[in-house]
Amino acid sequence: LIAPPPIVPGAWVEGQGQIDDTIAYARCCRALAQRL
């Protein structure tokens, strides 16, 4: 399982909340992989 790199400010990114979500998602993926 690979956590995608976080998104960055750009044309498709609506704000810091989306960026923060991708960073938090990587932590969720790490925990999921450990659990599985």
Full PDB file with SEQRES, HELIX, SHEET, SSBOND, CRYST1, ORIGX, SCALE, CONECT and MASTER records, all heavy atoms in Angstrom:
SEQRES   1 A   36  LEU ILE ALA PRO PRO PRO ILE VAL PRO GLY ALA TRP VAL          
SEQRES   2 A   36  GLU GLY GLN GLY GLN ILE ASP ASP THR ILE ALA TYR ALA          
SEQRES   3 A   36  ARG CYS CYS ARG ALA LEU ALA GLN ARG LEU                      
HELIX    1 AA1 GLN A   16  ARG A   35  1                                  20    
CRYST1    1.000    1.000    1.000  90.00  90.00  90.00 P 1           1          
ORIGX1      1.000000  0.000000  0.000000        0.00000                         
ORIGX2      0.000000  1.000000  0.000000        0.00000                         
ORIGX3      0.000000  0.000000  1.000000        0.00000                         
SCALE1      1.000000  0.000000  0.000000        0.00000                         
SCALE2      0.000000  1.000000  0.000000        0.00000                         
SCALE3      0.000000  0.000000  1.000000        0.00000                         
ATOM      1  N   LEU A   1       0.856  -1.186   0.000  1.00  0.00           N  
ATOM      2  CA  LEU A   1       0.000   0.000   0.000  1.00  0.00           C  
ATOM      3  C   LEU A   1       0.885   1.227   0.000  1.00  0.00           C  
ATOM      4  O   LEU A   1       1.778   1.352   0.839  1.00  0.00           O  
ATOM      5  CB  LEU A   1      -0.895   0.006   1.244  1.00  0.00           C  
ATOM      6  CG  LEU A   1      -1.757   1.252   1.451  1.00  0.00           C  
ATOM      7  CD1 LEU A   1      -2.721   1.461   0.284  1.00  0.00           C  
ATOM      8  CD2 LEU A   1      -2.501   1.164   2.777  1.00  0.00           C  
ATOM      9  N   ILE A   2       0.641   2.129  -0.948  1.00  0.00           N  
ATOM     10  CA  ILE A   2       1.384   3.384  -1.016  1.00  0.00           C  
ATOM     11  C   ILE A   2       0.420   4.534  -0.749  1.00  0.00           C  
ATOM     12  O   ILE A   2      -0.614   4.661  -1.409  1.00  0.00           O  
ATOM     13  CB  ILE A   2       2.053   3.584  -2.391  1.00  0.00           C  
ATOM     14  CG1 ILE A   2       3.029   2.443  -2.675  1.00  0.00           C  
ATOM     15  CG2 ILE A   2       2.753   4.934  -2.449  1.00  0.00           C  
ATOM     16  CD1 ILE A   2       3.698   2.528  -4.039  1.00  0.00           C  
ATOM     17  N   ALA A   3       0.756   5.358   0.235  1.00  0.00           N  
ATOM     18  CA  ALA A   3       0.003   6.592   0.459  1.00  0.00           C  
ATOM     19  C   ALA A   3       0.432   7.588  -0.600  1.00  0.00           C  
ATOM     20  O   ALA A   3       1.630   7.845  -0.767  1.00  0.00           O  
ATOM     21  CB  ALA A   3       0.280   7.141   1.853  1.00  0.00           C  
ATOM     22  N   PRO A   4      -0.520   8.157  -1.337  1.00  0.00           N  
ATOM     23  CA  PRO A   4      -0.152   9.133  -2.366  1.00  0.00           C  
ATOM     24  C   PRO A   4       0.545  10.343  -1.745  1.00  0.00           C  
ATOM     25  O   PRO A   4       0.268  10.697  -0.593  1.00  0.00           O  
ATOM     26  CB  PRO A   4      -1.499   9.550  -2.971  1.00  0.00           C  
ATOM     27  CG  PRO A   4      -2.491   8.553  -2.503  1.00  0.00           C  
ATOM     28  CD  PRO A   4      -1.969   7.968  -1.236  1.00  0.00           C  
ATOM     29  N   PRO A   5       1.422  10.992  -2.510  1.00  0.00           N  
ATOM     30  CA  PRO A   5       1.998  12.225  -1.982  1.00  0.00           C  
ATOM     31  C   PRO A   5       0.901  13.267  -1.793  1.00  0.00           C  
ATOM     32  O   PRO A   5      -0.106  13.251  -2.514  1.00  0.00           O  
ATOM     33  CB  PRO A   5       2.997  12.659  -3.052  1.00  0.00           C  
ATOM     34  CG  PRO A   5       2.667  11.894  -4.269  1.00  0.00           C  
ATOM     35  CD  PRO A   5       1.883  10.692  -3.860  1.00  0.00           C  
ATOM     36  N   PRO A   6       1.057  14.143  -0.821  1.00  0.00           N  
ATOM     37  CA  PRO A   6       0.018  15.153  -0.614  1.00  0.00           C  
ATOM     38  C   PRO A   6      -0.096  16.084  -1.814  1.00  0.00           C  
ATOM     39  O   PRO A   6       0.893  16.353  -2.509  1.00  0.00           O  
ATOM     40  CB  PRO A   6       0.485  15.913   0.624  1.00  0.00           C  
ATOM     41  CG  PRO A   6       1.918  15.595   0.780  1.00  0.00           C  
ATOM     42  CD  PRO A   6       2.170  14.288   0.099  1.00  0.00           C  
ATOM     43  N   ILE A   7      -1.320  16.536  -2.045  1.00  0.00           N  
ATOM     44  CA  ILE A   7      -1.513  17.535  -3.091  1.00  0.00           C  
ATOM     45  C   ILE A   7      -0.906  18.851  -2.621  1.00  0.00           C  
ATOM     46  O   ILE A   7      -0.597  19.013  -1.435  1.00  0.00           O  
ATOM     47  CB  ILE A   7      -2.999  17.675  -3.469  1.00  0.00           C  
ATOM     48  CG1 ILE A   7      -3.835  18.133  -2.269  1.00  0.00           C  
ATOM     49  CG2 ILE A   7      -3.526  16.371  -4.044  1.00  0.00           C  
ATOM     50  CD1 ILE A   7      -5.299  18.411  -2.606  1.00  0.00           C  
ATOM     51  N   VAL A   8      -0.744  19.771  -3.539  1.00  0.00           N  
ATOM     52  CA  VAL A   8      -0.154  21.073  -3.242  1.00  0.00           C  
ATOM     53  C   VAL A   8      -1.044  22.158  -3.839  1.00  0.00           C  
ATOM     54  O   VAL A   8      -1.932  21.865  -4.645  1.00  0.00           O  
ATOM     55  CB  VAL A   8       1.286  21.173  -3.810  1.00  0.00           C  
ATOM     56  CG1 VAL A   8       2.201  20.114  -3.186  1.00  0.00           C  
ATOM     57  CG2 VAL A   8       1.299  21.053  -5.326  1.00  0.00           C  
ATOM     58  N   PRO A   9      -0.839  23.420  -3.473  1.00  0.00           N  
ATOM     59  CA  PRO A   9      -1.654  24.473  -4.088  1.00  0.00           C  
ATOM     60  C   PRO A   9      -1.560  24.411  -5.615  1.00  0.00           C  
ATOM     61  O   PRO A   9      -0.481  24.223  -6.178  1.00  0.00           O  
ATOM     62  CB  PRO A   9      -1.031  25.759  -3.549  1.00  0.00           C  
ATOM     63  CG  PRO A   9      -0.411  25.362  -2.257  1.00  0.00           C  
ATOM     64  CD  PRO A   9       0.094  23.957  -2.479  1.00  0.00           C  
ATOM     65  N   GLY A  10      -2.708  24.514  -6.266  1.00  0.00           N  
ATOM     66  CA  GLY A  10      -2.748  24.457  -7.716  1.00  0.00           C  
ATOM     67  C   GLY A  10      -4.155  24.670  -8.233  1.00  0.00           C  
ATOM     68  O   GLY A  10      -5.098  24.890  -7.461  1.00  0.00           O  
ATOM     69  N   ALA A  11      -4.304  24.548  -9.534  1.00  0.00           N  
ATOM     70  CA  ALA A  11      -5.570  24.853 -10.205  1.00  0.00           C  
ATOM     71  C   ALA A  11      -6.723  23.956  -9.767  1.00  0.00           C  
ATOM     72  O   ALA A  11      -7.878  24.363  -9.824  1.00  0.00           O  
ATOM     73  CB  ALA A  11      -5.376  24.759 -11.724  1.00  0.00           C  
ATOM     74  N   TRP A  12      -6.446  22.722  -9.350  1.00  0.00           N  
ATOM     75  CA  TRP A  12      -7.505  21.794  -8.959  1.00  0.00           C  
ATOM     76  C   TRP A  12      -7.704  21.740  -7.445  1.00  0.00           C  
ATOM     77  O   TRP A  12      -8.562  21.002  -6.965  1.00  0.00           O  
ATOM     78  CB  TRP A  12      -7.189  20.390  -9.444  1.00  0.00           C  
ATOM     79  CG  TRP A  12      -7.320  20.164 -10.914  1.00  0.00           C  
ATOM     80  CD1 TRP A  12      -7.300  21.096 -11.913  1.00  0.00           C  
ATOM     81  CD2 TRP A  12      -7.476  18.911 -11.559  1.00  0.00           C  
ATOM     82  NE1 TRP A  12      -7.424  20.504 -13.135  1.00  0.00           N  
ATOM     83  CE2 TRP A  12      -7.526  19.141 -12.940  1.00  0.00           C  
ATOM     84  CE3 TRP A  12      -7.547  17.610 -11.109  1.00  0.00           C  
ATOM     85  CZ2 TRP A  12      -7.670  18.130 -13.872  1.00  0.00           C  
ATOM     86  CZ3 TRP A  12      -7.683  16.587 -12.034  1.00  0.00           C  
ATOM     87  CH2 TRP A  12      -7.754  16.854 -13.398  1.00  0.00           C  
ATOM     88  N   VAL A  13      -6.926  22.484  -6.712  1.00  0.00           N  
ATOM     89  CA  VAL A  13      -6.952  22.405  -5.257  1.00  0.00           C  
ATOM     90  C   VAL A  13      -7.694  23.622  -4.715  1.00  0.00           C  
ATOM     91  O   VAL A  13      -7.309  24.757  -4.972  1.00  0.00           O  
ATOM     92  CB  VAL A  13      -5.521  22.321  -4.689  1.00  0.00           C  
ATOM     93  CG1 VAL A  13      -5.547  22.272  -3.179  1.00  0.00           C  
ATOM     94  CG2 VAL A  13      -4.791  21.101  -5.266  1.00  0.00           C  
ATOM     95  N   GLU A  14      -8.747  23.364  -3.949  1.00  0.00           N  
ATOM     96  CA  GLU A  14      -9.618  24.440  -3.490  1.00  0.00           C  
ATOM     97  C   GLU A  14      -9.120  25.154  -2.248  1.00  0.00           C  
ATOM     98  O   GLU A  14      -9.564  26.245  -1.952  1.00  0.00           O  
ATOM     99  CB  GLU A  14     -11.025  23.880  -3.250  1.00  0.00           C  
ATOM    100  CG  GLU A  14     -11.679  23.409  -4.529  1.00  0.00           C  
ATOM    101  CD  GLU A  14     -13.042  22.787  -4.296  1.00  0.00           C  
ATOM    102  OE1 GLU A  14     -13.522  22.753  -3.143  1.00  0.00           O  
ATOM    103  OE2 GLU A  14     -13.636  22.325  -5.281  1.00  0.00           O  
ATOM    104  N   GLY A  15      -8.215  24.537  -1.499  1.00  0.00           N  
ATOM    105  CA  GLY A  15      -7.736  25.222  -0.309  1.00  0.00           C  
ATOM    106  C   GLY A  15      -6.892  24.334   0.579  1.00  0.00           C  
ATOM    107  O   GLY A  15      -6.675  23.158   0.298  1.00  0.00           O  
ATOM    108  N   GLN A  16      -6.448  24.929   1.670  1.00  0.00           N  
ATOM    109  CA  GLN A  16      -5.567  24.238   2.607  1.00  0.00           C  
ATOM    110  C   GLN A  16      -6.234  23.008   3.212  1.00  0.00           C  
ATOM    111  O   GLN A  16      -5.561  22.031   3.523  1.00  0.00           O  
ATOM    112  CB  GLN A  16      -5.113  25.205   3.710  1.00  0.00           C  
ATOM    113  CG  GLN A  16      -4.066  24.631   4.644  1.00  0.00           C  
ATOM    114  CD  GLN A  16      -2.763  24.289   3.942  1.00  0.00           C  
ATOM    115  OE1 GLN A  16      -2.282  25.051   3.101  1.00  0.00           O  
ATOM    116  NE2 GLN A  16      -2.196  23.133   4.265  1.00  0.00           N  
ATOM    117  N   GLY A  17      -7.540  23.034   3.366  1.00  0.00           N  
ATOM    118  CA  GLY A  17      -8.243  21.885   3.931  1.00  0.00           C  
ATOM    119  C   GLY A  17      -8.029  20.623   3.114  1.00  0.00           C  
ATOM    120  O   GLY A  17      -7.834  19.542   3.678  1.00  0.00           O  
ATOM    121  N   GLN A  18      -8.062  20.747   1.789  1.00  0.00           N  
ATOM    122  CA  GLN A  18      -7.814  19.586   0.929  1.00  0.00           C  
ATOM    123  C   GLN A  18      -6.378  19.092   1.090  1.00  0.00           C  
ATOM    124  O   GLN A  18      -6.131  17.886   1.114  1.00  0.00           O  
ATOM    125  CB  GLN A  18      -8.070  19.931  -0.539  1.00  0.00           C  
ATOM    126  CG  GLN A  18      -9.532  19.968  -0.904  1.00  0.00           C  
ATOM    127  CD  GLN A  18      -9.712  20.194  -2.393  1.00  0.00           C  
ATOM    128  OE1 GLN A  18      -9.114  21.101  -2.968  1.00  0.00           O  
ATOM    129  NE2 GLN A  18     -10.546  19.375  -3.004  1.00  0.00           N  
ATOM    130  N   ILE A  19      -5.447  20.013   1.182  1.00  0.00           N  
ATOM    131  CA  ILE A  19      -4.043  19.634   1.369  1.00  0.00           C  
ATOM    132  C   ILE A  19      -3.881  18.904   2.702  1.00  0.00           C  
ATOM    133  O   ILE A  19      -3.252  17.839   2.775  1.00  0.00           O  
ATOM    134  CB  ILE A  19      -3.139  20.881   1.284  1.00  0.00           C  
ATOM    135  CG1 ILE A  19      -3.214  21.476  -0.124  1.00  0.00           C  
ATOM    136  CG2 ILE A  19      -1.703  20.545   1.677  1.00  0.00           C  
ATOM    137  CD1 ILE A  19      -2.618  22.868  -0.260  1.00  0.00           C  
ATOM    138  N   ASP A  20      -4.459  19.467   3.760  1.00  0.00           N  
ATOM    139  CA  ASP A  20      -4.384  18.845   5.085  1.00  0.00           C  
ATOM    140  C   ASP A  20      -5.003  17.451   5.074  1.00  0.00           C  
ATOM    141  O   ASP A  20      -4.491  16.532   5.736  1.00  0.00           O  
ATOM    142  CB  ASP A  20      -5.073  19.722   6.128  1.00  0.00           C  
ATOM    143  CG  ASP A  20      -4.360  21.048   6.353  1.00  0.00           C  
ATOM    144  OD1 ASP A  20      -3.177  21.185   5.960  1.00  0.00           O  
ATOM    145  OD2 ASP A  20      -5.005  21.957   6.911  1.00  0.00           O  
ATOM    146  N   ASP A  21      -6.099  17.282   4.331  1.00  0.00           N  
ATOM    147  CA  ASP A  21      -6.739  15.967   4.251  1.00  0.00           C  
ATOM    148  C   ASP A  21      -5.818  14.930   3.616  1.00  0.00           C  
ATOM    149  O   ASP A  21      -5.809  13.770   4.039  1.00  0.00           O  
ATOM    150  CB  ASP A  21      -8.052  16.043   3.474  1.00  0.00           C  
ATOM    151  CG  ASP A  21      -9.195  16.611   4.290  1.00  0.00           C  
ATOM    152  OD1 ASP A  21      -9.032  16.804   5.515  1.00  0.00           O  
ATOM    153  OD2 ASP A  21     -10.262  16.868   3.696  1.00  0.00           O  
ATOM    154  N   THR A  22      -5.053  15.319   2.605  1.00  0.00           N  
ATOM    155  CA  THR A  22      -4.157  14.342   1.978  1.00  0.00           C  
ATOM    156  C   THR A  22      -3.020  13.955   2.922  1.00  0.00           C  
ATOM    157  O   THR A  22      -2.547  12.816   2.895  1.00  0.00           O  
ATOM    158  CB  THR A  22      -3.601  14.846   0.626  1.00  0.00           C  
ATOM    159  OG1 THR A  22      -2.858  16.048   0.808  1.00  0.00           O  
ATOM    160  CG2 THR A  22      -4.718  15.082  -0.374  1.00  0.00           C  
ATOM    161  N   ILE A  23      -2.596  14.890   3.751  1.00  0.00           N  
ATOM    162  CA  ILE A  23      -1.553  14.581   4.745  1.00  0.00           C  
ATOM    163  C   ILE A  23      -2.119  13.642   5.808  1.00  0.00           C  
ATOM    164  O   ILE A  23      -1.478  12.652   6.192  1.00  0.00           O  
ATOM    165  CB  ILE A  23      -0.993  15.884   5.352  1.00  0.00           C  
ATOM    166  CG1 ILE A  23      -0.264  16.685   4.263  1.00  0.00           C  
ATOM    167  CG2 ILE A  23      -0.080  15.599   6.540  1.00  0.00           C  
ATOM    168  CD1 ILE A  23       0.063  18.113   4.658  1.00  0.00           C  
ATOM    169  N   ALA A  24      -3.326  13.928   6.276  1.00  0.00           N  
ATOM    170  CA  ALA A  24      -3.977  13.063   7.268  1.00  0.00           C  
ATOM    171  C   ALA A  24      -4.255  11.676   6.683  1.00  0.00           C  
ATOM    172  O   ALA A  24      -4.146  10.659   7.385  1.00  0.00           O  
ATOM    173  CB  ALA A  24      -5.272  13.705   7.748  1.00  0.00           C  
ATOM    174  N   TYR A  25      -4.592  11.620   5.409  1.00  0.00           N  
ATOM    175  CA  TYR A  25      -4.874  10.340   4.766  1.00  0.00           C  
ATOM    176  C   TYR A  25      -3.644   9.437   4.772  1.00  0.00           C  
ATOM    177  O   TYR A  25      -3.764   8.222   4.979  1.00  0.00           O  
ATOM    178  CB  TYR A  25      -5.385  10.575   3.338  1.00  0.00           C  
ATOM    179  CG  TYR A  25      -5.697   9.310   2.593  1.00  0.00           C  
ATOM    180  CD1 TYR A  25      -6.718   8.471   3.019  1.00  0.00           C  
ATOM    181  CD2 TYR A  25      -4.987   8.954   1.459  1.00  0.00           C  
ATOM    182  CE1 TYR A  25      -7.008   7.295   2.340  1.00  0.00           C  
ATOM    183  CE2 TYR A  25      -5.270   7.794   0.772  1.00  0.00           C  
ATOM    184  CZ  TYR A  25      -6.276   6.966   1.207  1.00  0.00           C  
ATOM    185  OH  TYR A  25      -6.565   5.807   0.532  1.00  0.00           O  
ATOM    186  N   ALA A  26      -2.476  10.006   4.579  1.00  0.00           N  
ATOM    187  CA  ALA A  26      -1.245   9.205   4.618  1.00  0.00           C  
ATOM    188  C   ALA A  26      -1.091   8.541   5.988  1.00  0.00           C  
ATOM    189  O   ALA A  26      -0.706   7.366   6.083  1.00  0.00           O  
ATOM    190  CB  ALA A  26      -0.028  10.058   4.282  1.00  0.00           C  
ATOM    191  N   ARG A  27      -1.416   9.274   7.048  1.00  0.00           N  
ATOM    192  CA  ARG A  27      -1.352   8.689   8.396  1.00  0.00           C  
ATOM    193  C   ARG A  27      -2.369   7.555   8.540  1.00  0.00           C  
ATOM    194  O   ARG A  27      -2.090   6.515   9.140  1.00  0.00           O  
ATOM    195  CB  ARG A  27      -1.575   9.757   9.460  1.00  0.00           C  
ATOM    196  CG  ARG A  27      -0.421  10.745   9.575  1.00  0.00           C  
ATOM    197  CD  ARG A  27      -0.540  11.625  10.815  1.00  0.00           C  
ATOM    198  NE  ARG A  27      -1.730  12.460  10.817  1.00  0.00           N  
ATOM    199  CZ  ARG A  27      -1.797  13.676  10.301  1.00  0.00           C  
ATOM    200  NH1 ARG A  27      -0.741  14.224   9.725  1.00  0.00           N  
ATOM    201  NH2 ARG A  27      -2.928  14.366  10.362  1.00  0.00           N  
ATOM    202  N   CYS A  28      -3.556   7.752   7.978  1.00  0.00           N  
ATOM    203  CA  CYS A  28      -4.586   6.708   8.015  1.00  0.00           C  
ATOM    204  C   CYS A  28      -4.122   5.466   7.253  1.00  0.00           C  
ATOM    205  O   CYS A  28      -4.362   4.333   7.704  1.00  0.00           O  
ATOM    206  CB  CYS A  28      -5.889   7.222   7.410  1.00  0.00           C  
ATOM    207  SG  CYS A  28      -6.732   8.506   8.352  1.00  0.00           S  
ATOM    208  N   CYS A  29      -3.481   5.667   6.117  1.00  0.00           N  
ATOM    209  CA  CYS A  29      -2.989   4.539   5.321  1.00  0.00           C  
ATOM    210  C   CYS A  29      -1.913   3.772   6.083  1.00  0.00           C  
ATOM    211  O   CYS A  29      -1.892   2.531   6.072  1.00  0.00           O  
ATOM    212  CB  CYS A  29      -2.439   5.027   3.980  1.00  0.00           C  
ATOM    213  SG  CYS A  29      -3.700   5.539   2.804  1.00  0.00           S  
ATOM    214  N   ARG A  30      -1.022   4.487   6.738  1.00  0.00           N  
ATOM    215  CA  ARG A  30       0.033   3.834   7.526  1.00  0.00           C  
ATOM    216  C   ARG A  30      -0.595   2.965   8.622  1.00  0.00           C  
ATOM    217  O   ARG A  30      -0.227   1.804   8.813  1.00  0.00           O  
ATOM    218  CB  ARG A  30       0.969   4.864   8.150  1.00  0.00           C  
ATOM    219  CG  ARG A  30       2.084   4.240   8.996  1.00  0.00           C  
ATOM    220  CD  ARG A  30       2.974   5.283   9.641  1.00  0.00           C  
ATOM    221  NE  ARG A  30       3.633   6.156   8.692  1.00  0.00           N  
ATOM    222  CZ  ARG A  30       4.731   5.853   8.001  1.00  0.00           C  
ATOM    223  NH1 ARG A  30       5.296   4.686   8.158  1.00  0.00           N  
ATOM    224  NH2 ARG A  30       5.253   6.739   7.166  1.00  0.00           N  
ATOM    225  N   ALA A  31      -1.564   3.520   9.339  1.00  0.00           N  
ATOM    226  CA  ALA A  31      -2.227   2.780  10.411  1.00  0.00           C  
ATOM    227  C   ALA A  31      -2.976   1.566   9.851  1.00  0.00           C  
ATOM    228  O   ALA A  31      -2.950   0.480  10.454  1.00  0.00           O  
ATOM    229  CB  ALA A  31      -3.182   3.704  11.165  1.00  0.00           C  
ATOM    230  N   LEU A  32      -3.621   1.731   8.715  1.00  0.00           N  
ATOM    231  CA  LEU A  32      -4.341   0.630   8.086  1.00  0.00           C  
ATOM    232  C   LEU A  32      -3.380  -0.491   7.704  1.00  0.00           C  
ATOM    233  O   LEU A  32      -3.646  -1.668   7.974  1.00  0.00           O  
ATOM    234  CB  LEU A  32      -5.102   1.134   6.854  1.00  0.00           C  
ATOM    235  CG  LEU A  32      -5.819   0.080   6.013  1.00  0.00           C  
ATOM    236  CD1 LEU A  32      -6.865  -0.653   6.842  1.00  0.00           C  
ATOM    237  CD2 LEU A  32      -6.451   0.740   4.791  1.00  0.00           C  
ATOM    238  N   ALA A  33      -2.273  -0.138   7.080  1.00  0.00           N  
ATOM    239  CA  ALA A  33      -1.289  -1.147   6.677  1.00  0.00           C  
ATOM    240  C   ALA A  33      -0.749  -1.896   7.896  1.00  0.00           C  
ATOM    241  O   ALA A  33      -0.605  -3.124   7.861  1.00  0.00           O  
ATOM    242  CB  ALA A  33      -0.158  -0.494   5.895  1.00  0.00           C  
ATOM    243  N   GLN A  34      -0.467  -1.175   8.965  1.00  0.00           N  
ATOM    244  CA  GLN A  34       0.022  -1.820  10.189  1.00  0.00           C  
ATOM    245  C   GLN A  34      -1.030  -2.785  10.734  1.00  0.00           C  
ATOM    246  O   GLN A  34      -0.706  -3.911  11.123  1.00  0.00           O  
ATOM    247  CB  GLN A  34       0.390  -0.780  11.238  1.00  0.00           C  
ATOM    248  CG  GLN A  34       1.665  -0.029  10.918  1.00  0.00           C  
ATOM    249  CD  GLN A  34       1.957   1.089  11.908  1.00  0.00           C  
ATOM    250  OE1 GLN A  34       1.066   1.627  12.560  1.00  0.00           O  
ATOM    251  NE2 GLN A  34       3.225   1.469  11.994  1.00  0.00           N  
ATOM    252  N   ARG A  35      -2.269  -2.356  10.769  1.00  0.00           N  
ATOM    253  CA  ARG A  35      -3.340  -3.196  11.296  1.00  0.00           C  
ATOM    254  C   ARG A  35      -3.546  -4.446  10.457  1.00  0.00           C  
ATOM    255  O   ARG A  35      -3.781  -5.532  10.983  1.00  0.00           O  
ATOM    256  CB  ARG A  35      -4.642  -2.395  11.381  1.00  0.00           C  
ATOM    257  CG  ARG A  35      -5.740  -3.129  12.151  1.00  0.00           C  
ATOM    258  CD  ARG A  35      -6.958  -2.266  12.389  1.00  0.00           C  
ATOM    259  NE  ARG A  35      -7.567  -1.725  11.202  1.00  0.00           N  
ATOM    260  CZ  ARG A  35      -8.247  -2.435  10.292  1.00  0.00           C  
ATOM    261  NH1 ARG A  35      -8.379  -3.733  10.428  1.00  0.00           N  
ATOM    262  NH2 ARG A  35      -8.787  -1.847   9.245  1.00  0.00           N  
ATOM    263  N   LEU A  36      -3.438  -4.302   9.122  1.00  0.00           N  
ATOM    264  CA  LEU A  36      -3.642  -5.441   8.223  1.00  0.00           C  
ATOM    265  C   LEU A  36      -2.396  -6.302   8.062  1.00  0.00           C  
ATOM    266  O   LEU A  36      -2.474  -7.398   7.502  1.00  0.00           O  
ATOM    267  CB  LEU A  36      -4.099  -4.950   6.841  1.00  0.00           C  
ATOM    268  CG  LEU A  36      -5.460  -4.257   6.765  1.00  0.00           C  
ATOM    269  CD1 LEU A  36      -5.744  -3.808   5.343  1.00  0.00           C  
ATOM    270  CD2 LEU A  36      -6.562  -5.172   7.284  1.00  0.00           C  
TER     271      LEU A  36                                                      
MASTER        0    0    0    1    0    0    0    6  270    1    0    3          
END                                                                             
